Protein backbone atom coordinates (compact mmCIF):
# COMPACT_ATOMS: atom_id res chain seq x y z
CA MET A 1 0.00 0.00 0.00
CA LYS A 2 1.41 3.38 -0.99
CA LEU A 3 0.80 6.36 1.26
CA LYS A 4 1.58 10.06 1.09
CA LEU A 5 2.28 12.31 4.07
CA GLN A 6 -0.13 15.25 4.33
CA LYS A 7 -0.78 18.20 6.65
CA VAL A 8 2.59 18.13 8.45
CA LYS A 9 6.25 18.63 7.49
CA SER A 10 7.41 15.29 8.87
CA TYR A 11 6.20 12.16 10.62
CA LYS A 12 8.29 9.80 12.70
CA GLY A 13 6.59 6.78 14.19
CA ILE A 14 5.81 3.44 12.58
CA VAL A 15 7.36 4.94 9.44
CA ARG A 16 9.38 8.03 8.67
CA ALA A 17 8.25 10.56 6.08
CA THR A 18 9.13 14.16 5.33
CA GLN A 19 7.93 16.91 3.05
CA LYS A 20 10.85 16.11 0.75
CA ALA A 21 10.16 12.35 0.84
CA PRO A 22 6.42 12.08 1.58
CA TYR A 23 5.79 8.60 0.12
CA VAL A 24 5.98 5.33 2.04
CA THR A 25 5.12 1.78 1.05
CA VAL A 26 3.70 -0.44 3.78
CA ASP A 27 1.54 -3.52 4.20
CA ALA A 28 -2.24 -3.07 4.26
CA GLU A 29 -2.59 -3.37 8.06
CA THR A 30 0.10 -0.76 8.75
CA GLY A 31 -1.32 1.42 5.98
CA ALA A 32 -4.76 1.39 7.57
CA LYS A 33 -3.28 2.45 10.92
CA LEU A 34 -1.33 5.30 9.32
CA VAL A 35 -4.33 6.56 7.33
CA ALA A 36 -6.37 6.50 10.54
CA THR A 37 -3.91 8.97 12.11
CA GLY A 38 -4.94 11.56 9.54
CA TYR A 39 -1.33 12.24 8.60
CA PHE A 40 -1.33 9.98 5.55
CA VAL A 41 -3.57 9.31 2.56
CA ALA A 42 -3.52 6.31 0.26
CA VAL A 43 -2.31 7.24 -3.22
CA GLU A 44 -2.62 5.80 -6.67
CA GLU A 45 0.46 4.82 -8.67
CA GLU A 46 0.00 7.89 -10.94
CA ASP A 47 0.07 10.32 -7.99
CA GLU A 48 3.44 9.03 -6.84
CA THR A 49 4.91 9.03 -10.34
CA GLU A 50 3.98 12.69 -10.83
CA ALA A 51 5.41 13.65 -7.45
CA GLU A 52 8.64 11.75 -8.06
CA SER A 53 9.21 13.66 -11.28
CA ASP A 54 9.08 16.87 -9.22
CA ASP A 55 11.55 15.63 -6.60
CA ASP A 56 15.16 16.77 -6.46
CA GLU A 57 17.65 14.62 -8.30
CA ASP A 58 19.11 13.56 -4.94
CA SER A 59 16.63 10.68 -4.89
CA ASP A 60 18.24 7.76 -6.71
CA SER A 61 16.01 5.25 -8.45
CA LEU A 62 17.99 2.09 -9.09
CA ASP A 63 16.91 -0.90 -11.15
CA TYR A 64 16.30 -4.33 -9.63
CA GLU A 65 19.74 -5.70 -10.50
CA ALA A 66 21.54 -2.79 -8.83
CA LEU A 67 19.38 -3.14 -5.73
CA ALA A 68 19.84 -6.92 -5.62
CA ALA A 69 23.62 -6.45 -5.61
CA MET A 70 23.39 -4.44 -2.35
CA THR A 71 23.78 -5.92 1.10
CA LYS A 72 20.84 -5.89 3.53
CA MET A 73 22.42 -2.92 5.37
CA GLU A 74 22.94 -1.00 2.12
CA LEU A 75 19.32 -1.62 1.11
CA ALA A 76 18.10 -0.38 4.50
CA ALA A 77 20.22 2.78 4.17
CA TYR A 78 18.95 3.33 0.61
CA ALA A 79 15.36 2.93 1.81
CA GLU A 80 15.85 5.44 4.64
CA LYS A 81 17.57 7.96 2.33
CA ASN A 82 14.68 7.74 -0.13
CA GLY A 83 11.85 7.78 2.41
CA ILE A 84 10.81 4.18 1.80
CA SER A 85 9.39 2.43 4.85
CA ILE A 86 10.69 -1.08 5.39
CA ALA A 87 8.73 -1.56 8.62
CA GLY A 88 7.92 -5.23 8.99
CA CYS A 89 10.65 -6.36 6.57
CA LYS A 90 12.97 -8.85 8.22
CA THR A 91 14.97 -10.38 5.38
CA LYS A 92 17.01 -8.90 2.55
CA ALA A 93 14.48 -10.36 0.09
CA GLU A 94 11.59 -8.56 1.81
CA ILE A 95 13.50 -5.27 1.87
CA LEU A 96 14.52 -5.71 -1.77
CA LYS A 97 10.93 -6.32 -2.84
CA THR A 98 9.59 -3.34 -0.86
CA VAL A 99 12.26 -0.98 -2.21
CA SER A 100 11.84 -2.27 -5.77
CA VAL A 101 8.06 -1.79 -5.68
CA ALA A 102 8.51 1.69 -4.18
CA ASN A 103 10.80 2.50 -7.12
CA GLY A 104 8.01 1.59 -9.53
CA GLY A 105 8.74 -2.10 -10.01
CA ASN A 106 5.96 -4.62 -10.50
CA SER A 107 5.84 -7.07 -7.57
CA THR A 108 5.03 -10.01 -9.87
CA MET A 109 8.03 -9.26 -12.07
CA ILE A 110 10.21 -8.83 -8.98
CA ASP A 111 9.12 -12.26 -7.72
CA LEU A 112 10.03 -13.75 -11.09
CA GLN A 113 13.43 -12.03 -11.15
CA ALA A 114 14.19 -13.37 -7.68
CA GLU A 115 13.71 -17.00 -8.84
């Protein structure tokens, strides 16, 4: 589930989001809790794509192969730098999938690439 921070400049709790990096990707249960706070709204894929095109070029969007070559720690650092929530992710594979989907990857294709 993709969410966008609204109303405030930053949020630090279950996830971390800022005005500069307002989008987070979380599971449905966590997403429902965050939306209930009033600080986040669920967004469509198109909303995030438009917002990402307006972001500074500091935000790197790497392809699956480049992400897969990273260690678990590097993936976690990349996710934090780019405002991607990896709450609930325990393994490198889970983090990789979450980050890849947040970067616009298709989860079905990511599952196939992982095989």
